[in-house]
Amino acid sequence: MRLSSKTLTIILNLLLGAAWAATLIGAVSALMHYSTSQGWLYALATMLIWALPGLVAIVLLEYLIRGFERHEEALRQSRLLKEILHELRQRRSE
């Protein structure tokens, strides 16, 4: 991911890494906690439930990143369109 603001890129990457870590920690801790006492099916279901907050955070952060990228692309396109319009007006006046 490359955004124009380096600090924003660093912050979003750190948050995304923390969300992945929370997902992994939640899944592994649920698996370790419930694998011996209630059975594997219950452990897998609990693992999914404990990993769910991290997965939601990942999806939200990815959506936010894509929104920033779309915004920057729209700004680039607007700048190019303005340059094209300026050149066309100059040619028309000549």
N, C-alpha and C. Protein backbone atom coordinates (compact mmCIF):
# COMPACT_ATOMS: atom_id res chain seq x y z
N MET A 1 0.85 -1.17 0.00
CA MET A 1 0.00 0.00 0.00
C MET A 1 0.89 1.23 0.00
N ARG A 2 0.62 2.12 -0.92
CA ARG A 2 1.36 3.38 -0.99
C ARG A 2 0.37 4.53 -1.06
N LEU A 3 0.28 5.23 0.03
CA LEU A 3 -0.52 6.44 0.06
C LEU A 3 0.42 7.63 0.02
N SER A 4 -0.11 8.79 -0.29
CA SER A 4 0.74 9.97 -0.39
C SER A 4 1.28 10.40 0.97
N SER A 5 0.53 10.18 2.01
CA SER A 5 0.97 10.53 3.35
C SER A 5 1.68 9.33 3.98
N LYS A 6 2.96 9.48 4.26
CA LYS A 6 3.72 8.37 4.83
C LYS A 6 3.29 8.06 6.26
N THR A 7 2.92 9.08 7.02
CA THR A 7 2.49 8.82 8.39
C THR A 7 1.17 8.06 8.41
N LEU A 8 0.28 8.40 7.50
CA LEU A 8 -0.99 7.67 7.41
C LEU A 8 -0.75 6.22 7.00
N THR A 9 0.17 6.01 6.08
CA THR A 9 0.50 4.65 5.66
C THR A 9 1.06 3.85 6.82
N ILE A 10 1.95 4.44 7.60
CA ILE A 10 2.55 3.74 8.74
C ILE A 10 1.49 3.41 9.78
N ILE A 11 0.63 4.37 10.07
CA ILE A 11 -0.41 4.14 11.09
C ILE A 11 -1.37 3.04 10.64
N LEU A 12 -1.81 3.09 9.38
CA LEU A 12 -2.73 2.06 8.90
C LEU A 12 -2.08 0.68 8.87
N ASN A 13 -0.81 0.61 8.49
CA ASN A 13 -0.12 -0.67 8.49
C ASN A 13 0.05 -1.22 9.91
N LEU A 14 0.34 -0.35 10.87
CA LEU A 14 0.44 -0.80 12.25
C LEU A 14 -0.90 -1.30 12.78
N LEU A 15 -1.96 -0.58 12.47
CA LEU A 15 -3.29 -1.03 12.90
C LEU A 15 -3.68 -2.35 12.24
N LEU A 16 -3.32 -2.49 10.98
CA LEU A 16 -3.62 -3.73 10.27
C LEU A 16 -2.84 -4.90 10.86
N GLY A 17 -1.58 -4.67 11.21
CA GLY A 17 -0.79 -5.70 11.86
C GLY A 17 -1.33 -6.07 13.23
N ALA A 18 -1.79 -5.08 13.97
CA ALA A 18 -2.38 -5.35 15.29
C ALA A 18 -3.68 -6.14 15.15
N ALA A 19 -4.46 -5.85 14.13
CA ALA A 19 -5.70 -6.60 13.91
C ALA A 19 -5.40 -8.05 13.56
N TRP A 20 -4.38 -8.27 12.72
CA TRP A 20 -3.99 -9.65 12.40
C TRP A 20 -3.48 -10.37 13.65
N ALA A 21 -2.72 -9.67 14.47
CA ALA A 21 -2.21 -10.28 15.69
C ALA A 21 -3.36 -10.63 16.64
N ALA A 22 -4.34 -9.74 16.76
CA ALA A 22 -5.50 -10.03 17.62
C ALA A 22 -6.28 -11.23 17.10
N THR A 23 -6.39 -11.34 15.80
CA THR A 23 -7.08 -12.50 15.22
C THR A 23 -6.34 -13.78 15.54
N LEU A 24 -5.04 -13.76 15.34
CA LEU A 24 -4.24 -14.96 15.59
C LEU A 24 -4.23 -15.33 17.07
N ILE A 25 -4.07 -14.35 17.93
CA ILE A 25 -4.06 -14.62 19.37
C ILE A 25 -5.41 -15.15 19.83
N GLY A 26 -6.49 -14.55 19.34
CA GLY A 26 -7.82 -15.03 19.71
C GLY A 26 -8.07 -16.45 19.25
N ALA A 27 -7.68 -16.76 18.04
CA ALA A 27 -7.91 -18.10 17.51
C ALA A 27 -7.07 -19.14 18.25
N VAL A 28 -5.81 -18.85 18.45
CA VAL A 28 -4.92 -19.82 19.11
C VAL A 28 -5.31 -20.01 20.59
N SER A 29 -5.64 -18.92 21.27
CA SER A 29 -6.01 -19.07 22.68
C SER A 29 -7.32 -19.84 22.83
N ALA A 30 -8.26 -19.61 21.96
CA ALA A 30 -9.51 -20.38 22.03
C ALA A 30 -9.26 -21.85 21.72
N LEU A 31 -8.41 -22.10 20.75
CA LEU A 31 -8.11 -23.48 20.41
C LEU A 31 -7.40 -24.19 21.57
N MET A 32 -6.45 -23.53 22.19
CA MET A 32 -5.74 -24.14 23.31
C MET A 32 -6.63 -24.30 24.54
N HIS A 33 -7.51 -23.36 24.75
CA HIS A 33 -8.33 -23.40 25.96
C HIS A 33 -9.42 -24.46 25.87
N TYR A 34 -10.04 -24.59 24.72
CA TYR A 34 -11.19 -25.49 24.60
C TYR A 34 -10.90 -26.80 23.90
N SER A 35 -9.68 -27.03 23.43
CA SER A 35 -9.42 -28.25 22.67
C SER A 35 -9.43 -29.50 23.55
N THR A 36 -9.06 -29.40 24.80
CA THR A 36 -8.99 -30.59 25.64
C THR A 36 -10.28 -30.88 26.39
N SER A 37 -11.06 -29.85 26.69
CA SER A 37 -12.20 -30.08 27.58
C SER A 37 -13.50 -30.43 26.85
N GLN A 38 -13.85 -29.74 25.77
CA GLN A 38 -15.16 -29.94 25.16
C GLN A 38 -15.13 -30.65 23.81
N GLY A 39 -14.02 -30.86 23.23
CA GLY A 39 -13.96 -31.53 21.94
C GLY A 39 -13.54 -30.58 20.83
N TRP A 40 -13.17 -31.15 19.71
CA TRP A 40 -12.60 -30.36 18.62
C TRP A 40 -13.62 -29.50 17.89
N LEU A 41 -14.82 -29.98 17.74
CA LEU A 41 -15.84 -29.19 17.04
C LEU A 41 -16.17 -27.92 17.82
N TYR A 42 -16.32 -28.07 19.12
CA TYR A 42 -16.58 -26.91 19.96
C TYR A 42 -15.37 -25.97 19.96
N ALA A 43 -14.17 -26.52 19.95
CA ALA A 43 -12.96 -25.70 19.94
C ALA A 43 -12.85 -24.91 18.64
N LEU A 44 -13.19 -25.51 17.51
CA LEU A 44 -13.13 -24.80 16.23
C LEU A 44 -14.19 -23.70 16.15
N ALA A 45 -15.39 -23.98 16.66
CA ALA A 45 -16.43 -22.96 16.67
C ALA A 45 -16.04 -21.79 17.57
N THR A 46 -15.48 -22.08 18.73
CA THR A 46 -15.04 -21.04 19.65
C THR A 46 -13.87 -20.26 19.06
N MET A 47 -13.00 -20.95 18.34
CA MET A 47 -11.87 -20.30 17.70
C MET A 47 -12.36 -19.26 16.68
N LEU A 48 -13.37 -19.61 15.93
CA LEU A 48 -13.92 -18.67 14.95
C LEU A 48 -14.56 -17.47 15.65
N ILE A 49 -15.27 -17.72 16.73
CA ILE A 49 -15.92 -16.62 17.46
C ILE A 49 -14.88 -15.69 18.09
N TRP A 50 -13.82 -16.24 18.66
CA TRP A 50 -12.79 -15.40 19.29
C TRP A 50 -11.97 -14.65 18.26
N ALA A 51 -11.86 -15.17 17.04
CA ALA A 51 -11.10 -14.49 15.98
C ALA A 51 -11.95 -13.46 15.26
N LEU A 52 -13.25 -13.49 15.44
CA LEU A 52 -14.16 -12.61 14.71
C LEU A 52 -13.90 -11.11 14.91
N PRO A 53 -13.65 -10.60 16.11
CA PRO A 53 -13.37 -9.16 16.24
C PRO A 53 -12.14 -8.71 15.44
N GLY A 54 -11.11 -9.52 15.44
CA GLY A 54 -9.93 -9.18 14.65
C GLY A 54 -10.21 -9.20 13.16
N LEU A 55 -11.01 -10.17 12.72
CA LEU A 55 -11.36 -10.24 11.31
C LEU A 55 -12.21 -9.05 10.87
N VAL A 56 -13.11 -8.62 11.73
CA VAL A 56 -13.92 -7.44 11.43
C VAL A 56 -13.03 -6.21 11.33
N ALA A 57 -12.07 -6.09 12.24
CA ALA A 57 -11.14 -4.95 12.19
C ALA A 57 -10.32 -4.97 10.91
N ILE A 58 -9.90 -6.14 10.46
CA ILE A 58 -9.14 -6.26 9.22
C ILE A 58 -9.97 -5.80 8.03
N VAL A 59 -11.21 -6.24 7.97
CA VAL A 59 -12.08 -5.85 6.86
C VAL A 59 -12.31 -4.34 6.86
N LEU A 60 -12.56 -3.77 8.03
CA LEU A 60 -12.79 -2.32 8.11
C LEU A 60 -11.55 -1.53 7.71
N LEU A 61 -10.38 -1.96 8.16
CA LEU A 61 -9.15 -1.26 7.80
C LEU A 61 -8.85 -1.37 6.30
N GLU A 62 -9.08 -2.54 5.72
CA GLU A 62 -8.87 -2.71 4.29
C GLU A 62 -9.84 -1.82 3.50
N TYR A 63 -11.07 -1.73 3.96
CA TYR A 63 -12.05 -0.86 3.31
C TYR A 63 -11.60 0.60 3.39
N LEU A 64 -11.08 1.00 4.54
CA LEU A 64 -10.58 2.36 4.72
C LEU A 64 -9.38 2.64 3.81
N ILE A 65 -8.48 1.69 3.71
CA ILE A 65 -7.31 1.84 2.84
C ILE A 65 -7.74 1.99 1.38
N ARG A 66 -8.66 1.15 0.95
CA ARG A 66 -9.14 1.24 -0.44
C ARG A 66 -9.84 2.57 -0.69
N GLY A 67 -10.54 3.10 0.30
CA GLY A 67 -11.17 4.40 0.16
C GLY A 67 -10.16 5.51 -0.02
N PHE A 68 -9.07 5.46 0.75
CA PHE A 68 -7.99 6.45 0.58
C PHE A 68 -7.36 6.33 -0.80
N GLU A 69 -7.16 5.11 -1.27
CA GLU A 69 -6.56 4.91 -2.60
C GLU A 69 -7.49 5.43 -3.69
N ARG A 70 -8.79 5.18 -3.57
CA ARG A 70 -9.75 5.70 -4.55
C ARG A 70 -9.76 7.22 -4.56
N HIS A 71 -9.66 7.81 -3.38
CA HIS A 71 -9.64 9.27 -3.27
C HIS A 71 -8.40 9.85 -3.95
N GLU A 72 -7.25 9.26 -3.69
CA GLU A 72 -6.03 9.75 -4.32
C GLU A 72 -6.07 9.58 -5.83
N GLU A 73 -6.63 8.48 -6.31
CA GLU A 73 -6.75 8.27 -7.75
C GLU A 73 -7.70 9.29 -8.37
N ALA A 74 -8.77 9.60 -7.69
CA ALA A 74 -9.70 10.62 -8.19
C ALA A 74 -9.02 11.99 -8.26
N LEU A 75 -8.18 12.31 -7.28
CA LEU A 75 -7.44 13.57 -7.31
C LEU A 75 -6.47 13.61 -8.48
N ARG A 76 -5.78 12.50 -8.75
CA ARG A 76 -4.87 12.44 -9.89
C ARG A 76 -5.61 12.62 -11.20
N GLN A 77 -6.75 11.95 -11.32
CA GLN A 77 -7.53 12.06 -12.55
C GLN A 77 -8.06 13.47 -12.75
N SER A 78 -8.49 14.11 -11.66
CA SER A 78 -8.98 15.49 -11.76
C SER A 78 -7.87 16.42 -12.22
N ARG A 79 -6.68 16.23 -11.68
CA ARG A 79 -5.54 17.06 -12.07
C ARG A 79 -5.22 16.86 -13.56
N LEU A 80 -5.22 15.62 -14.02
CA LEU A 80 -4.95 15.35 -15.43
C LEU A 80 -6.03 15.93 -16.34
N LEU A 81 -7.28 15.83 -15.93
CA LEU A 81 -8.37 16.39 -16.72
C LEU A 81 -8.27 17.91 -16.81
N LYS A 82 -7.86 18.54 -15.72
CA LYS A 82 -7.68 20.00 -15.75
C LYS A 82 -6.54 20.38 -16.68
N GLU A 83 -5.46 19.60 -16.69
CA GLU A 83 -4.36 19.87 -17.60
C GLU A 83 -4.79 19.70 -19.06
N ILE A 84 -5.56 18.68 -19.34
CA ILE A 84 -6.06 18.45 -20.70
C ILE A 84 -6.96 19.59 -21.13
N LEU A 85 -7.86 20.02 -20.25
CA LEU A 85 -8.75 21.13 -20.56
C LEU A 85 -7.97 22.41 -20.81
N HIS A 86 -6.95 22.65 -20.02
CA HIS A 86 -6.12 23.84 -20.20
C HIS A 86 -5.41 23.81 -21.56
N GLU A 87 -4.88 22.66 -21.95
CA GLU A 87 -4.21 22.53 -23.25
C GLU A 87 -5.21 22.70 -24.39
N LEU A 88 -6.39 22.14 -24.24
CA LEU A 88 -7.40 22.30 -25.30
C LEU A 88 -7.82 23.75 -25.47
N ARG A 89 -7.97 24.44 -24.36
CA ARG A 89 -8.34 25.88 -24.44
C ARG A 89 -7.22 26.69 -25.06
N GLN A 90 -5.97 26.34 -24.78
CA GLN A 90 -4.85 27.05 -25.40
C GLN A 90 -4.81 26.81 -26.90
N ARG A 91 -5.06 25.60 -27.34
CA ARG A 91 -5.05 25.30 -28.77
C ARG A 91 -6.22 26.00 -29.47
N ARG A 92 -7.34 26.08 -28.80
CA ARG A 92 -8.51 26.71 -29.40
C ARG A 92 -8.29 28.21 -29.57
N SER A 93 -7.57 28.83 -28.64
CA SER A 93 -7.34 30.27 -28.72
C SER A 93 -6.29 30.63 -29.76
N GLU A 94 -5.47 29.67 -30.16
CA GLU A 94 -4.43 29.97 -31.15
C GLU A 94 -4.94 30.05 -32.52
